[in-house]
Amino acid sequence: MKNIYFAGGCFWGTQHFFSQVDGVKEAVCGYANGNTVNPKYEEVYTDTTGFAETVRVCYNPERVSLEELTSLFFCIIDPLSLNRQGHDEGTRYRTGIYYTDPAERACIQNVYAKEEAKAGAPLVVELEPLRNFYEAEERHQAYLDKNPEGYCHLSLKTFRYLRLFQDIRLYLGDEQNRIARMANTAALIQERMHFFWTGFYLADDKQLVLGPFQGPAACMRIGYGKGVCGTAWKEDRTVVVPDVHQFPGHIACSSLSQSEIVVPLHGPDGQVSAVLDIDSDQLATFDETDALWLEKIAALI
């Protein structure tokens, strides 16, 4: 077993998140890289001790890699927000990754660099050796299990997507056929998230052709740059539409569709080879959390 330390804002949510990652034996709330000995929560809360609320993640490297854990960590933080995550503000809520083995830095730095490139700006996430770590008081351990209605800066949707992402990866396994992979992915997303329509369109010359899907009958073909799907293809970016009726050139496959998200999938050549299209019968269903996790799911295909 190995340990890595993540400071991701309030440690209640960070601990709850990593405790649900396959391959993690335990996640423990505590205080890291401060200037005193055996700090109490009330002391750390004053922002005078230098400690950050941190979670020690004990994991089995044969089941989950450090690279994967670090990638998942970036799914639950705003890496450009200094000393603030969600509504929590102060140096105790700064973000950081603290390691005990210098050899681990290169692996973490690789993920860090990719996230920095994606953000397009320098990250404010600390990447440092662990200087010290003290476990938090018992009342802070597994806090959200003890208090299901307790405060968490992470949305409930985040935890649902974590389980969905891990289960899809498990289901897909080593299957090589992309149609089979798309079919099971669409089924699992629909089963867990209960959207109105979930499916794939495959790029074929200058058209998107309907692929595996779950939901009512849909448009068979969509032109390059047309509608939400064609726009996501042409611009090679995830498109989130709170109200499809306000989207210029929207193609109404169903009058019941109210909001939509479309995520591009890329082939070995780096070009868009398909799109993941999800519709809701409610307005403003999708946000940055959906985009982030659906992009990770799309990458599995």
Protein backbone atom coordinates (compact mmCIF):
# COMPACT_ATOMS: atom_id res chain seq x y z
CA MET A 1 0.00 0.00 0.00
CA LYS A 2 1.11 3.58 -0.68
CA ASN A 3 0.02 7.02 0.51
CA ILE A 4 -0.53 10.31 -1.28
CA TYR A 5 -1.88 13.50 0.29
CA PHE A 6 -4.48 15.75 -1.38
CA ALA A 7 -5.58 19.18 -0.15
CA GLY A 8 -8.79 19.96 -2.00
CA GLY A 9 -10.62 22.56 0.07
CA CYS A 10 -12.94 21.30 2.80
CA PHE A 11 -11.67 17.81 3.68
CA TRP A 12 -15.15 16.39 4.29
CA GLY A 13 -15.97 16.22 0.58
CA THR A 14 -12.45 15.30 -0.51
CA GLN A 15 -12.39 12.39 1.95
CA HIS A 16 -15.83 11.20 0.88
CA PHE A 17 -14.82 11.32 -2.78
CA PHE A 18 -11.58 9.35 -2.49
CA SER A 19 -13.11 6.77 -0.15
CA GLN A 20 -15.28 5.74 -3.14
CA VAL A 21 -12.41 5.29 -5.58
CA ASP A 22 -11.76 1.67 -6.48
CA GLY A 23 -8.36 0.63 -5.14
CA VAL A 24 -8.34 3.08 -2.24
CA LYS A 25 -8.12 1.33 1.11
CA GLU A 26 -8.87 4.38 3.24
CA ALA A 27 -9.03 8.16 3.11
CA VAL A 28 -8.27 10.06 6.32
CA CYS A 29 -8.92 13.72 7.08
CA GLY A 30 -6.06 15.70 8.57
CA TYR A 31 -3.87 18.77 8.51
CA ALA A 32 -0.70 19.00 6.41
CA ASN A 33 2.39 21.16 5.93
CA GLY A 34 1.85 23.53 8.81
CA ASN A 35 4.07 25.20 11.37
CA THR A 36 2.89 23.78 14.72
CA VAL A 37 2.57 20.38 16.39
CA ASN A 38 -0.67 18.43 16.88
CA PRO A 39 -2.98 21.25 15.76
CA LYS A 40 -6.66 21.31 16.67
CA TYR A 41 -9.37 22.17 14.17
CA GLU A 42 -10.15 25.40 15.98
CA GLU A 43 -6.48 26.44 15.63
CA VAL A 44 -6.26 25.52 11.95
CA TYR A 45 -9.48 27.44 11.33
CA THR A 46 -7.74 30.71 12.32
CA ASP A 47 -5.36 30.44 9.33
CA THR A 48 -2.41 31.14 11.61
CA THR A 49 -0.89 27.64 11.74
CA GLY A 50 -0.04 27.26 8.05
CA PHE A 51 -1.89 23.95 7.79
CA ALA A 52 -4.09 22.93 4.87
CA GLU A 53 -7.09 20.65 5.29
CA THR A 54 -5.72 17.51 3.65
CA VAL A 55 -6.74 13.91 3.02
CA ARG A 56 -4.29 11.05 3.27
CA VAL A 57 -5.20 8.54 0.57
CA CYS A 58 -3.94 5.03 1.19
CA TYR A 59 -4.18 3.04 -2.03
CA ASN A 60 -3.20 -0.20 -3.71
CA PRO A 61 -1.01 0.71 -6.73
CA GLU A 62 -1.89 -2.62 -8.36
CA ARG A 63 -5.52 -1.49 -8.55
CA VAL A 64 -5.30 2.26 -9.04
CA SER A 65 -2.32 4.27 -10.18
CA LEU A 66 -0.97 7.50 -8.76
CA GLU A 67 -1.58 9.06 -12.16
CA GLU A 68 -5.27 8.10 -12.01
CA LEU A 69 -5.67 9.38 -8.45
CA THR A 70 -4.07 12.68 -9.40
CA SER A 71 -6.29 12.97 -12.47
CA LEU A 72 -9.36 12.34 -10.31
CA PHE A 73 -8.18 14.96 -7.83
CA PHE A 74 -8.28 17.60 -10.55
CA CYS A 75 -11.91 16.62 -11.21
CA ILE A 76 -12.96 17.96 -7.81
CA ILE A 77 -11.04 21.24 -7.54
CA ASP A 78 -10.79 24.58 -9.28
CA PRO A 79 -7.03 24.64 -9.88
CA LEU A 80 -7.03 28.38 -10.62
CA SER A 81 -8.71 29.42 -7.35
CA LEU A 82 -6.22 30.56 -4.71
CA ASN A 83 -7.11 29.77 -1.09
CA ARG A 84 -10.74 29.15 -2.00
CA GLN A 85 -12.86 26.16 -3.06
CA GLY A 86 -16.60 26.57 -3.37
CA HIS A 87 -17.81 28.82 -0.56
CA ASP A 88 -14.81 27.99 1.63
CA GLU A 89 -12.10 30.64 1.79
CA GLY A 90 -8.78 30.85 3.65
CA THR A 91 -5.27 29.43 3.44
CA ARG A 92 -6.47 26.26 5.17
CA TYR A 93 -8.58 25.61 2.06
CA ARG A 94 -5.72 25.95 -0.42
CA THR A 95 -5.20 23.13 -2.89
CA GLY A 96 -2.12 20.96 -2.95
CA ILE A 97 -0.59 17.58 -3.66
CA TYR A 98 1.97 16.40 -1.11
CA TYR A 99 4.18 13.36 -1.67
CA THR A 100 6.57 11.37 0.52
CA ASP A 101 8.58 9.68 -2.24
CA PRO A 102 10.56 12.09 -4.48
CA ALA A 103 10.26 9.55 -7.31
CA GLU A 104 6.52 10.22 -7.39
CA ARG A 105 6.94 13.87 -8.34
CA ALA A 106 7.53 13.18 -12.04
CA CYS A 107 4.26 11.22 -12.36
CA ILE A 108 2.28 13.92 -10.55
CA GLN A 109 4.00 16.65 -12.55
CA ASN A 110 2.96 14.96 -15.79
CA VAL A 111 -0.73 15.18 -14.85
CA TYR A 112 -0.19 18.68 -13.44
CA ALA A 113 1.26 19.86 -16.77
CA LYS A 114 -1.68 18.45 -18.74
CA GLU A 115 -4.14 20.20 -16.45
CA GLU A 116 -2.21 23.45 -16.73
CA ALA A 117 -2.31 23.23 -20.52
CA LYS A 118 -6.04 22.54 -20.38
CA ALA A 119 -6.62 25.51 -18.06
CA GLY A 120 -4.50 27.81 -20.19
CA ALA A 121 -3.07 29.52 -17.11
CA PRO A 122 -0.62 28.76 -14.27
CA LEU A 123 -2.18 26.54 -11.61
CA VAL A 124 -2.21 27.60 -7.97
CA VAL A 125 -2.12 23.99 -6.73
CA GLU A 126 0.87 23.34 -4.48
CA LEU A 127 3.11 20.43 -5.45
CA GLU A 128 5.48 19.81 -2.56
CA PRO A 129 7.02 17.11 -0.37
CA LEU A 130 4.96 16.31 2.70
CA ARG A 131 6.53 18.01 5.72
CA ASN A 132 4.02 16.86 8.32
CA PHE A 133 0.52 15.44 8.65
CA TYR A 134 -1.72 15.16 11.70
CA GLU A 135 -5.01 13.27 11.66
CA ALA A 136 -8.07 15.40 12.31
CA GLU A 137 -10.41 14.83 15.21
CA GLU A 138 -12.75 11.84 15.06
CA ARG A 139 -15.79 14.06 14.43
CA HIS A 140 -14.28 15.03 11.07
CA GLN A 141 -13.63 11.48 9.89
CA ALA A 142 -16.23 10.11 7.43
CA TYR A 143 -18.23 13.23 8.23
CA LEU A 144 -20.63 12.92 5.28
CA ASP A 145 -21.34 9.29 6.14
CA LYS A 146 -22.28 10.35 9.65
CA ASN A 147 -24.13 13.44 8.42
CA PRO A 148 -25.68 12.66 5.00
CA GLU A 149 -27.30 16.11 4.89
CA GLY A 150 -24.10 17.85 5.97
CA TYR A 151 -22.39 20.61 4.04
CA CYS A 152 -20.13 19.66 1.13
CA HIS A 153 -18.61 21.97 -1.45
CA LEU A 154 -18.79 19.13 -3.99
CA SER A 155 -22.08 18.50 -5.74
CA LEU A 156 -23.88 15.20 -5.27
CA LYS A 157 -23.62 14.80 -9.03
CA THR A 158 -19.84 14.51 -8.68
CA PHE A 159 -20.14 11.35 -6.58
CA ARG A 160 -22.66 9.84 -9.00
CA TYR A 161 -20.35 10.48 -11.93
CA LEU A 162 -17.37 8.96 -10.12
CA ARG A 163 -19.26 5.68 -9.66
CA LEU A 164 -20.56 5.83 -13.25
CA PHE A 165 -17.09 6.46 -14.69
CA GLN A 166 -15.55 3.57 -12.77
CA ASP A 167 -18.36 1.17 -13.69
CA ILE A 168 -18.21 2.07 -17.38
CA ARG A 169 -14.46 1.48 -17.41
CA LEU A 170 -15.02 -1.91 -15.75
CA TYR A 171 -17.79 -2.90 -18.19
CA LEU A 172 -15.78 -1.92 -21.27
CA GLY A 173 -12.75 -3.90 -20.15
CA ASP A 174 -10.59 -4.92 -23.10
CA GLU A 175 -13.40 -4.96 -25.68
CA GLN A 176 -11.98 -3.49 -28.90
CA ASN A 177 -15.13 -2.88 -30.94
CA ARG A 178 -16.11 0.77 -30.56
CA ILE A 179 -19.78 0.17 -31.41
CA ALA A 180 -20.04 -2.35 -28.58
CA ARG A 181 -18.26 0.12 -26.27
CA MET A 182 -20.64 2.92 -27.27
CA ALA A 183 -23.70 0.71 -26.81
CA ASN A 184 -22.87 -0.24 -23.23
CA THR A 185 -21.73 3.29 -22.39
CA ALA A 186 -25.03 4.77 -23.58
CA ALA A 187 -26.96 2.14 -21.63
CA LEU A 188 -25.06 2.76 -18.40
CA ILE A 189 -25.33 6.55 -18.62
CA GLN A 190 -29.05 6.32 -19.25
CA GLU A 191 -29.62 3.77 -16.50
CA ARG A 192 -27.74 5.77 -13.85
CA MET A 193 -28.45 9.38 -14.79
CA HIS A 194 -31.99 9.06 -16.21
CA PHE A 195 -31.55 11.58 -19.01
CA PHE A 196 -34.15 11.94 -21.78
CA TRP A 197 -31.86 10.70 -24.56
CA THR A 198 -28.28 9.40 -24.59
CA GLY A 199 -26.43 8.29 -27.67
CA PHE A 200 -23.63 8.58 -30.17
CA TYR A 201 -23.31 9.99 -33.68
CA LEU A 202 -20.42 8.74 -35.83
CA ALA A 203 -18.54 11.03 -38.19
CA ASP A 204 -18.89 9.86 -41.81
CA ASP A 205 -17.48 12.22 -44.43
CA LYS A 206 -19.41 15.47 -43.86
CA GLN A 207 -22.24 13.98 -41.82
CA LEU A 208 -22.84 12.54 -38.38
CA VAL A 209 -24.66 9.21 -38.61
CA LEU A 210 -26.79 7.87 -35.77
CA GLY A 211 -25.05 5.22 -33.68
CA PRO A 212 -25.94 3.31 -30.49
CA PHE A 213 -28.42 5.19 -28.30
CA GLN A 214 -30.97 4.94 -25.50
CA GLY A 215 -34.26 6.83 -25.78
CA PRO A 216 -36.89 7.68 -28.42
CA ALA A 217 -36.18 7.60 -32.16
CA ALA A 218 -33.76 10.31 -33.25
CA CYS A 219 -32.40 12.10 -36.29
CA MET A 220 -30.58 9.68 -38.58
CA ARG A 221 -28.04 12.16 -39.97
CA ILE A 222 -26.74 15.59 -38.96
CA GLY A 223 -24.63 17.79 -41.21
CA TYR A 224 -21.17 19.14 -40.39
CA GLY A 225 -21.57 22.31 -38.36
CA LYS A 226 -25.35 21.88 -38.10
CA GLY A 227 -27.25 21.93 -34.83
CA VAL A 228 -25.58 21.31 -31.47
CA CYS A 229 -23.96 18.03 -32.54
CA GLY A 230 -22.58 19.42 -35.78
CA THR A 231 -21.27 22.49 -33.96
CA ALA A 232 -19.43 20.38 -31.36
CA TRP A 233 -17.91 18.38 -34.23
CA LYS A 234 -16.87 21.41 -36.27
CA GLU A 235 -15.46 23.38 -33.32
CA ASP A 236 -14.03 20.28 -31.61
CA ARG A 237 -15.29 21.26 -28.17
CA THR A 238 -17.92 20.28 -25.65
CA VAL A 239 -21.08 22.33 -26.14
CA VAL A 240 -23.48 22.87 -23.23
CA VAL A 241 -26.88 24.33 -24.15
CA PRO A 242 -29.19 25.35 -21.26
CA ASP A 243 -32.13 25.97 -23.61
CA VAL A 244 -32.05 24.31 -27.03
CA HIS A 245 -34.75 26.64 -28.31
CA GLN A 246 -32.31 29.53 -27.97
CA PHE A 247 -29.53 27.76 -29.88
CA PRO A 248 -29.20 29.07 -33.47
CA GLY A 249 -29.95 26.34 -35.98
CA HIS A 250 -31.06 23.80 -33.38
CA ILE A 251 -32.29 20.55 -34.94
CA ALA A 252 -35.38 19.41 -33.07
CA CYS A 253 -35.28 15.61 -33.19
CA SER A 254 -37.89 15.71 -30.39
CA SER A 255 -40.05 18.56 -29.15
CA LEU A 256 -39.53 17.23 -25.60
CA SER A 257 -35.83 18.05 -25.59
CA GLN A 258 -35.13 21.19 -23.56
CA SER A 259 -31.38 21.23 -22.84
CA GLU A 260 -28.41 19.38 -24.29
CA ILE A 261 -24.72 18.58 -23.99
CA VAL A 262 -22.52 17.24 -26.79
CA VAL A 263 -18.98 15.90 -26.25
CA PRO A 264 -16.56 15.12 -29.11
CA LEU A 265 -14.75 11.77 -29.27
CA HIS A 266 -11.37 11.55 -30.95
CA GLY A 267 -9.83 8.81 -33.06
CA PRO A 268 -6.18 7.70 -33.11
CA ASP A 269 -5.39 10.55 -35.51
CA GLY A 270 -6.67 13.13 -33.02
CA GLN A 271 -9.61 14.07 -35.24
CA VAL A 272 -13.24 14.00 -34.10
CA SER A 273 -14.57 10.55 -34.95
CA ALA A 274 -17.92 10.73 -33.14
CA VAL A 275 -19.89 12.74 -30.59
CA LEU A 276 -21.66 11.79 -27.39
CA ASP A 277 -25.04 13.53 -27.40
CA ILE A 278 -27.25 13.78 -24.30
CA ASP A 279 -30.61 15.52 -24.08
CA SER A 280 -32.78 16.42 -21.10
CA ASP A 281 -36.49 17.21 -20.98
CA GLN A 282 -35.70 19.89 -18.39
CA LEU A 283 -34.06 23.28 -18.91
CA ALA A 284 -30.48 23.95 -17.74
CA THR A 285 -29.74 20.34 -16.77
CA PHE A 286 -26.06 20.34 -17.70
CA ASP A 287 -23.12 22.30 -16.29
CA GLU A 288 -19.33 22.17 -15.97
CA THR A 289 -19.53 19.06 -13.77
CA ASP A 290 -21.37 17.15 -16.51
CA ALA A 291 -18.90 18.39 -19.12
CA LEU A 292 -15.86 17.35 -17.10
CA TRP A 293 -17.04 13.83 -16.33
CA LEU A 294 -18.63 13.14 -19.71
CA GLU A 295 -15.33 14.13 -21.36
CA LYS A 296 -13.57 11.54 -19.17
CA ILE A 297 -16.19 8.95 -20.11
CA ALA A 298 -15.91 9.83 -23.80
CA ALA A 299 -12.15 9.32 -23.61
CA LEU A 300 -12.77 5.70 -22.56
CA ILE A 301 -14.42 4.93 -25.91
